[in-house]
């Protein structure tokens, strides 16, 4: 007998189950701990166990994060529509012109290009000289992207909703690494963005501001948990940048994101 696993939904083509209430995927062994989040407290212990046992028995689901490293996620082609069960696509992604690597912060993209492709930033620090000419940055901006997992091996962005264009209209950045990036205007967010590099923060703030007083009281704990998760991801990003020897422009960013939590109080 097939067990209803809601609020999770199974996407066998990606070997994941996605929590529709939280907007991201979990591996099988994390389901029990995921149910400890305040948003799921309405489920009985028996129901949680039924869902967890059913997911752990699925053969086409990643059961551990280690499995993701040995059997990589089959991400969809970039023209694929956004996965509706995940958080809405971020619109400020940066796509490397030499590979498919995508991030949402310029610092991480610079660190990637330096480490993976031996790119050198000829612009230097400080204000740029008037009339100076520089080589184009080797990435494309305004990329729409999503991610399945919020941490661990599966925590990487993949492109969605790439507009289809004739070959003669293709940008140089899509043809090869020696490219001229195209900047795409970023659509208005659900709510005012606190940090231009964090669409998720603006998305959560927009959700909160559009709630009634009673809805805010019910959602506060979950929003705080999601904000805490963002801070944890930010810490991982800073540690990765520090290991690569690149720290420009990162000072105070995590504290700024923490201060942004003020709109909850």
C-alpha atoms as a PDB file:
ATOM      1  CA  UNK A   1       0.000   0.000   0.000  1.00  0.00           C
ATOM      2  CA  UNK A   2       1.424   3.363  -1.037  1.00  0.00           C
ATOM      3  CA  UNK A   3       1.862   5.838   1.828  1.00  0.00           C
ATOM      4  CA  UNK A   4       0.981   9.495   1.406  1.00  0.00           C
ATOM      5  CA  UNK A   5       4.202  11.387   2.201  1.00  0.00           C
ATOM      6  CA  UNK A   6       2.768  14.927   2.280  1.00  0.00           C
ATOM      7  CA  UNK A   7       4.046  17.579   2.959  1.00  0.00           C
ATOM      8  CA  UNK A   8       6.869  15.947   0.951  1.00  0.00           C
ATOM      9  CA  UNK A   9       6.628  15.287  -2.752  1.00  0.00           C
ATOM     10  CA  UNK A  10       8.751  12.740  -4.586  1.00  0.00           C
ATOM     11  CA  UNK A  11      10.628  13.790  -7.751  1.00  0.00           C
ATOM     12  CA  UNK A  12      12.233  10.534  -8.958  1.00  0.00           C
ATOM     13  CA  UNK A  13      13.959  12.227 -11.917  1.00  0.00           C
ATOM     14  CA  UNK A  14      16.164  14.071  -9.408  1.00  0.00           C
ATOM     15  CA  UNK A  15      16.175  11.312  -6.762  1.00  0.00           C
ATOM     16  CA  UNK A  16      14.837  13.681  -4.098  1.00  0.00           C
ATOM     17  CA  UNK A  17      11.840  14.383  -1.892  1.00  0.00           C
ATOM     18  CA  UNK A  18      11.011  18.064  -1.415  1.00  0.00           C
ATOM     19  CA  UNK A  19       9.204  19.543   1.573  1.00  0.00           C
ATOM     20  CA  UNK A  20       6.543  21.727  -0.023  1.00  0.00           C
ATOM     21  CA  UNK A  21       6.112  23.795   3.133  1.00  0.00           C
ATOM     22  CA  UNK A  22       9.807  24.637   3.464  1.00  0.00           C
ATOM     23  CA  UNK A  23      10.793  24.742  -0.194  1.00  0.00           C
ATOM     24  CA  UNK A  24      13.848  22.477  -0.232  1.00  0.00           C
ATOM     25  CA  UNK A  25      14.840  18.813  -0.400  1.00  0.00           C
ATOM     26  CA  UNK A  26      15.961  16.433   2.337  1.00  0.00           C
ATOM     27  CA  UNK A  27      17.792  13.118   2.166  1.00  0.00           C
ATOM     28  CA  UNK A  28      16.032  10.148   3.722  1.00  0.00           C
ATOM     29  CA  UNK A  29      18.036  10.050   6.942  1.00  0.00           C
ATOM     30  CA  UNK A  30      17.250  13.727   7.628  1.00  0.00           C
ATOM     31  CA  UNK A  31      13.462  13.436   7.551  1.00  0.00           C
ATOM     32  CA  UNK A  32      13.117  12.766  11.299  1.00  0.00           C
ATOM     33  CA  UNK A  33      15.221  15.793  12.255  1.00  0.00           C
ATOM     34  CA  UNK A  34      13.462  17.936   9.633  1.00  0.00           C
ATOM     35  CA  UNK A  35      10.122  17.259  11.333  1.00  0.00           C
ATOM     36  CA  UNK A  36      11.440  18.991  14.470  1.00  0.00           C
ATOM     37  CA  UNK A  37      10.976  22.347  12.762  1.00  0.00           C
ATOM     38  CA  UNK A  38       8.105  24.363  14.277  1.00  0.00           C
ATOM     39  CA  UNK A  39       6.179  24.432  11.019  1.00  0.00           C
ATOM     40  CA  UNK A  40       5.656  20.657  11.258  1.00  0.00           C
ATOM     41  CA  UNK A  41       4.538  20.456  14.878  1.00  0.00           C
ATOM     42  CA  UNK A  42       0.948  19.845  13.784  1.00  0.00           C
ATOM     43  CA  UNK A  43       1.838  16.341  12.608  1.00  0.00           C
ATOM     44  CA  UNK A  44       1.491  13.471  15.076  1.00  0.00           C
ATOM     45  CA  UNK A  45       4.482  11.309  15.983  1.00  0.00           C
ATOM     46  CA  UNK A  46       2.864   8.347  14.264  1.00  0.00           C
ATOM     47  CA  UNK A  47       2.307  10.327  11.062  1.00  0.00           C
ATOM     48  CA  UNK A  48       5.899  11.581  11.069  1.00  0.00           C
ATOM     49  CA  UNK A  49       7.162   8.026  11.484  1.00  0.00           C
ATOM     50  CA  UNK A  50       4.956   6.764   8.637  1.00  0.00           C
ATOM     51  CA  UNK A  51       6.320   9.420   6.297  1.00  0.00           C
ATOM     52  CA  UNK A  52       9.930   8.864   7.365  1.00  0.00           C
ATOM     53  CA  UNK A  53       9.698   5.074   7.006  1.00  0.00           C
ATOM     54  CA  UNK A  54       8.070   5.405   3.579  1.00  0.00           C
ATOM     55  CA  UNK A  55      10.808   7.736   2.281  1.00  0.00           C
ATOM     56  CA  UNK A  56      13.580   5.557   3.709  1.00  0.00           C
ATOM     57  CA  UNK A  57      12.116   2.630   1.753  1.00  0.00           C
ATOM     58  CA  UNK A  58      12.166   4.462  -1.586  1.00  0.00           C
ATOM     59  CA  UNK A  59      14.881   3.093  -3.913  1.00  0.00           C
ATOM     60  CA  UNK A  60      15.130   6.216  -6.081  1.00  0.00           C
ATOM     61  CA  UNK A  61      15.750   8.736  -3.304  1.00  0.00           C
ATOM     62  CA  UNK A  62      19.062   9.913  -1.870  1.00  0.00           C
ATOM     63  CA  UNK A  63      19.122   8.469   1.635  1.00  0.00           C
ATOM     64  CA  UNK A  64      22.393  10.081   2.762  1.00  0.00           C
ATOM     65  CA  UNK A  65      24.477  13.087   1.713  1.00  0.00           C
ATOM     66  CA  UNK A  66      27.332  10.684   0.906  1.00  0.00           C
ATOM     67  CA  UNK A  67      25.218   9.170  -1.879  1.00  0.00           C
ATOM     68  CA  UNK A  68      25.073  12.581  -3.561  1.00  0.00           C
ATOM     69  CA  UNK A  69      28.872  12.608  -3.804  1.00  0.00           C
ATOM     70  CA  UNK A  70      29.029   9.144  -5.381  1.00  0.00           C
ATOM     71  CA  UNK A  71      25.939   9.576  -7.591  1.00  0.00           C
ATOM     72  CA  UNK A  72      25.660  13.282  -8.549  1.00  0.00           C
ATOM     73  CA  UNK A  73      22.252  14.939  -8.854  1.00  0.00           C
ATOM     74  CA  UNK A  74      20.939  14.871 -12.457  1.00  0.00           C
ATOM     75  CA  UNK A  75      20.151  18.572 -12.703  1.00  0.00           C
ATOM     76  CA  UNK A  76      17.731  19.650 -15.442  1.00  0.00           C
ATOM     77  CA  UNK A  77      18.741  21.572 -18.595  1.00  0.00           C
ATOM     78  CA  UNK A  78      18.924  25.373 -18.089  1.00  0.00           C
ATOM     79  CA  UNK A  79      15.832  25.964 -20.256  1.00  0.00           C
ATOM     80  CA  UNK A  80      13.684  23.868 -17.905  1.00  0.00           C
ATOM     81  CA  UNK A  81      10.881  25.709 -16.052  1.00  0.00           C
ATOM     82  CA  UNK A  82      11.478  26.351 -12.373  1.00  0.00           C
ATOM     83  CA  UNK A  83      10.622  23.500 -10.002  1.00  0.00           C
ATOM     84  CA  UNK A  84       7.412  24.756  -8.380  1.00  0.00           C
ATOM     85  CA  UNK A  85       7.930  22.956  -5.056  1.00  0.00           C
ATOM     86  CA  UNK A  86      11.192  24.773  -4.330  1.00  0.00           C
ATOM     87  CA  UNK A  87      11.569  28.387  -3.255  1.00  0.00           C
ATOM     88  CA  UNK A  88      10.995  30.729  -6.230  1.00  0.00           C
ATOM     89  CA  UNK A  89      14.057  31.176  -8.475  1.00  0.00           C
ATOM     90  CA  UNK A  90      16.640  33.740  -7.525  1.00  0.00           C
ATOM     91  CA  UNK A  91      17.117  36.279 -10.275  1.00  0.00           C
ATOM     92  CA  UNK A  92      20.587  37.567  -9.413  1.00  0.00           C
ATOM     93  CA  UNK A  93      22.618  34.453 -10.239  1.00  0.00           C
ATOM     94  CA  UNK A  94      26.068  34.606 -11.828  1.00  0.00           C
ATOM     95  CA  UNK A  95      27.028  31.883 -14.329  1.00  0.00           C
ATOM     96  CA  UNK A  96      30.684  31.173 -15.053  1.00  0.00           C
ATOM     97  CA  UNK A  97      31.494  31.543 -18.754  1.00  0.00           C
ATOM     98  CA  UNK A  98      33.934  28.634 -18.688  1.00  0.00           C
ATOM     99  CA  UNK A  99      31.768  26.055 -16.890  1.00  0.00           C
ATOM    100  CA  UNK A 100      28.282  25.639 -15.423  1.00  0.00           C
ATOM    101  CA  UNK A 101      29.152  26.929 -11.942  1.00  0.00           C
ATOM    102  CA  UNK A 102      26.502  29.305 -10.564  1.00  0.00           C
ATOM    103  CA  UNK A 103      26.507  31.446  -7.431  1.00  0.00           C
ATOM    104  CA  UNK A 104      24.609  34.511  -6.257  1.00  0.00           C
ATOM    105  CA  UNK A 105      27.483  36.592  -4.894  1.00  0.00           C
ATOM    106  CA  UNK A 106      30.198  38.310  -6.898  1.00  0.00           C
ATOM    107  CA  UNK A 107      32.834  37.445  -4.293  1.00  0.00           C
ATOM    108  CA  UNK A 108      32.250  33.716  -4.630  1.00  0.00           C
ATOM    109  CA  UNK A 109      32.299  33.927  -8.427  1.00  0.00           C
ATOM    110  CA  UNK A 110      35.585  35.833  -8.360  1.00  0.00           C
ATOM    111  CA  UNK A 111      37.045  33.243  -5.996  1.00  0.00           C
ATOM    112  CA  UNK A 112      35.860  30.430  -8.292  1.00  0.00           C
ATOM    113  CA  UNK A 113      37.333  32.019 -11.434  1.00  0.00           C
ATOM    114  CA  UNK A 114      40.646  32.643  -9.690  1.00  0.00           C
ATOM    115  CA  UNK A 115      40.926  29.107  -8.328  1.00  0.00           C
ATOM    116  CA  UNK A 116      39.366  27.030 -11.123  1.00  0.00           C
ATOM    117  CA  UNK A 117      40.327  29.058 -14.209  1.00  0.00           C
ATOM    118  CA  UNK A 118      43.352  31.111 -13.060  1.00  0.00           C
ATOM    119  CA  UNK A 119      41.483  34.341 -13.762  1.00  0.00           C
ATOM    120  CA  UNK A 120      43.123  37.584 -12.668  1.00  0.00           C
ATOM    121  CA  UNK A 121      41.134  40.672 -11.759  1.00  0.00           C
ATOM    122  CA  UNK A 122      42.791  43.590 -13.562  1.00  0.00           C
ATOM    123  CA  UNK A 123      40.507  46.179 -11.971  1.00  0.00           C
ATOM    124  CA  UNK A 124      42.164  46.207  -8.562  1.00  0.00           C
ATOM    125  CA  UNK A 125      40.652  47.728  -5.449  1.00  0.00           C
ATOM    126  CA  UNK A 126      39.139  51.120  -4.881  1.00  0.00           C
ATOM    127  CA  UNK A 127      37.573  53.524  -7.356  1.00  0.00           C
ATOM    128  CA  UNK A 128      38.234  52.762 -10.995  1.00  0.00           C
ATOM    129  CA  UNK A 129      40.144  55.306 -13.055  1.00  0.00           C
ATOM    130  CA  UNK A 130      37.931  57.442 -15.279  1.00  0.00           C
ATOM    131  CA  UNK A 131      38.026  56.278 -18.873  1.00  0.00           C
ATOM    132  CA  UNK A 132      40.043  53.164 -18.011  1.00  0.00           C
ATOM    133  CA  UNK A 133      39.453  50.080 -20.142  1.00  0.00           C
ATOM    134  CA  UNK A 134      39.232  46.632 -18.546  1.00  0.00           C
ATOM    135  CA  UNK A 135      38.740  43.114 -19.809  1.00  0.00           C
ATOM    136  CA  UNK A 136      35.130  41.943 -19.441  1.00  0.00           C
ATOM    137  CA  UNK A 137      34.347  39.843 -16.402  1.00  0.00           C
ATOM    138  CA  UNK A 138      34.072  36.158 -17.418  1.00  0.00           C
ATOM    139  CA  UNK A 139      30.553  35.499 -16.180  1.00  0.00           C
ATOM    140  CA  UNK A 140      26.937  36.218 -17.060  1.00  0.00           C
ATOM    141  CA  UNK A 141      24.681  38.074 -14.640  1.00  0.00           C
ATOM    142  CA  UNK A 142      20.927  37.990 -14.111  1.00  0.00           C
ATOM    143  CA  UNK A 143      20.759  34.190 -14.208  1.00  0.00           C
ATOM    144  CA  UNK A 144      17.618  32.588 -12.769  1.00  0.00           C
ATOM    145  CA  UNK A 145      18.529  29.706 -10.506  1.00  0.00           C
ATOM    146  CA  UNK A 146      17.306  27.376  -7.776  1.00  0.00           C
ATOM    147  CA  UNK A 147      18.852  24.821  -5.451  1.00  0.00           C
ATOM    148  CA  UNK A 148      17.525  21.564  -4.021  1.00  0.00           C
ATOM    149  CA  UNK A 149      19.460  21.355  -0.757  1.00  0.00           C
ATOM    150  CA  UNK A 150      20.307  24.164   1.649  1.00  0.00           C
ATOM    151  CA  UNK A 151      23.566  22.607   2.892  1.00  0.00           C
ATOM    152  CA  UNK A 152      26.007  19.783   2.223  1.00  0.00           C
ATOM    153  CA  UNK A 153      27.094  18.190  -1.083  1.00  0.00           C
ATOM    154  CA  UNK A 154      23.820  18.956  -2.864  1.00  0.00           C
ATOM    155  CA  UNK A 155      23.914  22.654  -1.981  1.00  0.00           C
ATOM    156  CA  UNK A 156      24.571  24.131  -5.407  1.00  0.00           C
ATOM    157  CA  UNK A 157      22.584  26.351  -7.729  1.00  0.00           C
ATOM    158  CA  UNK A 158      21.318  25.183 -11.106  1.00  0.00           C
ATOM    159  CA  UNK A 159      19.947  27.389 -13.860  1.00  0.00           C
ATOM    160  CA  UNK A 160      16.271  27.410 -14.828  1.00  0.00           C
ATOM    161  CA  UNK A 161      14.072  29.323 -17.259  1.00  0.00           C
ATOM    162  CA  UNK A 162      16.914  30.344 -19.572  1.00  0.00           C
ATOM    163  CA  UNK A 163      15.299  32.178 -22.494  1.00  0.00           C
ATOM    164  CA  UNK A 164      15.720  30.469 -25.846  1.00  0.00           C
ATOM    165  CA  UNK A 165      17.346  32.639 -28.512  1.00  0.00           C
ATOM    166  CA  UNK A 166      18.595  32.147 -32.057  1.00  0.00           C
ATOM    167  CA  UNK A 167      22.247  31.139 -32.404  1.00  0.00           C
ATOM    168  CA  UNK A 168      23.187  34.521 -33.878  1.00  0.00           C
ATOM    169  CA  UNK A 169      21.760  36.262 -30.793  1.00  0.00           C
ATOM    170  CA  UNK A 170      23.746  34.136 -28.353  1.00  0.00           C
ATOM    171  CA  UNK A 171      26.084  36.091 -26.081  1.00  0.00           C
ATOM    172  CA  UNK A 172      29.805  35.455 -26.075  1.00  0.00           C
ATOM    173  CA  UNK A 173      29.592  34.213 -22.505  1.00  0.00           C
ATOM    174  CA  UNK A 174      27.387  31.343 -23.664  1.00  0.00           C
ATOM    175  CA  UNK A 175      29.766  30.469 -26.499  1.00  0.00           C
ATOM    176  CA  UNK A 176      32.943  30.217 -24.452  1.00  0.00           C
ATOM    177  CA  UNK A 177      35.055  31.545 -21.591  1.00  0.00           C
ATOM    178  CA  UNK A 178      36.393  34.629 -23.386  1.00  0.00           C
ATOM    179  CA  UNK A 179      33.049  36.342 -23.148  1.00  0.00           C
ATOM    180  CA  UNK A 180      31.299  39.609 -22.676  1.00  0.00           C
ATOM    181  CA  UNK A 181      28.667  39.187 -19.932  1.00  0.00           C
ATOM    182  CA  UNK A 182      25.125  40.395 -20.373  1.00  0.00           C
ATOM    183  CA  UNK A 183      23.364  42.066 -17.452  1.00  0.00           C
ATOM    184  CA  UNK A 184      19.687  41.232 -17.193  1.00  0.00           C
ATOM    185  CA  UNK A 185      17.423  43.586 -15.204  1.00  0.00           C
ATOM    186  CA  UNK A 186      16.299  41.999 -11.953  1.00  0.00           C
ATOM    187  CA  UNK A 187      12.499  41.942 -11.539  1.00  0.00           C
ATOM    188  CA  UNK A 188      10.967  43.450  -8.409  1.00  0.00           C
ATOM    189  CA  UNK A 189      11.091  41.128  -5.422  1.00  0.00           C
ATOM    190  CA  UNK A 190       8.157  40.050  -3.268  1.00  0.00           C
ATOM    191  CA  UNK A 191       9.345  42.511  -0.647  1.00  0.00           C
ATOM    192  CA  UNK A 192      12.173  45.055  -0.230  1.00  0.00           C
ATOM    193  CA  UNK A 193      15.540  43.349  -0.368  1.00  0.00           C
ATOM    194  CA  UNK A 194      17.783  43.863   2.643  1.00  0.00           C
ATOM    195  CA  UNK A 195      20.900  42.490   0.962  1.00  0.00           C
ATOM    196  CA  UNK A 196      21.235  42.711  -2.808  1.00  0.00           C
ATOM    197  CA  UNK A 197      23.143  39.410  -2.823  1.00  0.00           C
ATOM    198  CA  UNK A 198      20.429  37.550  -0.895  1.00  0.00           C
ATOM    199  CA  UNK A 199      17.184  37.136  -2.773  1.00  0.00           C
ATOM    200  CA  UNK A 200      16.028  34.723  -0.099  1.00  0.00           C
ATOM    201  CA  UNK A 201      16.226  37.394   2.576  1.00  0.00           C
ATOM    202  CA  UNK A 202      14.101  39.759   0.519  1.00  0.00           C
ATOM    203  CA  UNK A 203      11.673  36.953  -0.236  1.00  0.00           C
ATOM    204  CA  UNK A 204      11.194  36.124   3.463  1.00  0.00           C
ATOM    205  CA  UNK A 205      10.795  39.765   4.370  1.00  0.00           C
ATOM    206  CA  UNK A 206       8.167  40.191   1.676  1.00  0.00           C
ATOM    207  CA  UNK A 207       6.281  37.177   2.973  1.00  0.00           C
ATOM    208  CA  UNK A 208       6.322  38.534   6.505  1.00  0.00           C
ATOM    209  CA  UNK A 209       5.203  42.043   5.593  1.00  0.00           C
ATOM    210  CA  UNK A 210       2.231  40.699   3.658  1.00  0.00           C
ATOM    211  CA  UNK A 211       0.977  38.591   6.579  1.00  0.00           C
ATOM    212  CA  UNK A 212      -1.773  39.498   8.980  1.00  0.00           C
ATOM    213  CA  UNK A 213      -0.972  39.893  12.690  1.00  0.00           C
ATOM    214  CA  UNK A 214      -2.238  36.374  13.437  1.00  0.00           C
ATOM    215  CA  UNK A 215      -0.328  34.882  10.518  1.00  0.00           C
ATOM    216  CA  UNK A 216       2.853  36.566  11.725  1.00  0.00           C
ATOM    217  CA  UNK A 217       2.456  35.043  15.175  1.00  0.00           C
ATOM    218  CA  UNK A 218       2.087  31.561  13.657  1.00  0.00           C
ATOM    219  CA  UNK A 219       4.956  31.952  11.185  1.00  0.00           C
ATOM    220  CA  UNK A 220       7.517  33.748  13.373  1.00  0.00           C
ATOM    221  CA  UNK A 221       9.312  30.642  14.647  1.00  0.00           C
ATOM    222  CA  UNK A 222       9.652  29.143  11.187  1.00  0.00           C
ATOM    223  CA  UNK A 223      10.902  32.403   9.677  1.00  0.00           C
ATOM    224  CA  UNK A 224      13.488  32.690  12.429  1.00  0.00           C
ATOM    225  CA  UNK A 225      14.678  29.159  11.658  1.00  0.00           C
ATOM    226  CA  UNK A 226      14.948  29.941   7.951  1.00  0.00           C
ATOM    227  CA  UNK A 227      16.881  33.128   8.677  1.00  0.00           C
ATOM    228  CA  UNK A 228      19.212  31.188  10.956  1.00  0.00           C
ATOM    229  CA  UNK A 229      19.790  28.729   8.099  1.00  0.00           C
ATOM    230  CA  UNK A 230      20.714  31.635   5.796  1.00  0.00           C
ATOM    231  CA  UNK A 231      23.252  32.856   8.345  1.00  0.00           C
ATOM    232  CA  UNK A 232      24.734  29.355   8.516  1.00  0.00           C
ATOM    233  CA  UNK A 233      25.059  29.233   4.726  1.00  0.00           C
ATOM    234  CA  UNK A 234      26.674  32.682   4.786  1.00  0.00           C
ATOM    235  CA  UNK A 235      29.221  31.426   7.304  1.00  0.00           C
ATOM    236  CA  UNK A 236      30.067  28.494   5.027  1.00  0.00           C
ATOM    237  CA  UNK A 237      30.554  30.922   2.118  1.00  0.00           C
ATOM    238  CA  UNK A 238      32.938  33.078   4.147  1.00  0.00           C
ATOM    239  CA  UNK A 239      34.944  30.054   5.259  1.00  0.00           C
ATOM    240  CA  UNK A 240      35.206  28.867   1.655  1.00  0.00           C
ATOM    241  CA  UNK A 241      36.399  32.300   0.537  1.00  0.00           C
ATOM    242  CA  UNK A 242      38.926  32.415   3.355  1.00  0.00           C
ATOM    243  CA  UNK A 243      40.324  29.033   2.304  1.00  0.00           C
ATOM    244  CA  UNK A 244      40.717  30.291  -1.259  1.00  0.00           C
ATOM    245  CA  UNK A 245      42.543  33.390   0.000  1.00  0.00           C
ATOM    246  CA  UNK A 246      39.912  35.851  -1.217  1.00  0.00           C
ATOM    247  CA  UNK A 247      38.278  38.147   1.321  1.00  0.00           C
ATOM    248  CA  UNK A 248      37.675  41.392  -0.553  1.00  0.00           C
ATOM    249  CA  UNK A 249      34.333  43.012   0.131  1.00  0.00           C
ATOM    250  CA  UNK A 250      33.188  40.411   2.646  1.00  0.00           C
ATOM    251  CA  UNK A 251      33.867  42.215   5.922  1.00  0.00           C
ATOM    252  CA  UNK A 252      30.747  42.696   7.989  1.00  0.00           C
ATOM    253  CA  UNK A 253      28.451  40.918   5.593  1.00  0.00           C
ATOM    254  CA  UNK A 254      27.276  38.223   7.979  1.00  0.00           C
ATOM    255  CA  UNK A 255      26.676  40.740  10.765  1.00  0.00           C
ATOM    256  CA  UNK A 256      24.681  42.820   8.282  1.00  0.00           C
ATOM    257  CA  UNK A 257      22.515  39.812   7.475  1.00  0.00           C
ATOM    258  CA  UNK A 258      21.988  39.132  11.169  1.00  0.00           C
ATOM    259  CA  UNK A 259      20.968  42.742  11.747  1.00  0.00           C
ATOM    260  CA  UNK A 260      18.414  42.285   8.994  1.00  0.00           C
ATOM    261  CA  UNK A 261      16.497  40.007  11.319  1.00  0.00           C
ATOM    262  CA  UNK A 262      15.319  43.183  13.059  1.00  0.00           C
ATOM    263  CA  UNK A 263      12.232  43.358  10.868  1.00  0.00           C
ATOM    264  CA  UNK A 264      10.863  40.363  12.737  1.00  0.00           C
ATOM    265  CA  UNK A 265      10.621  42.269  16.015  1.00  0.00           C
END
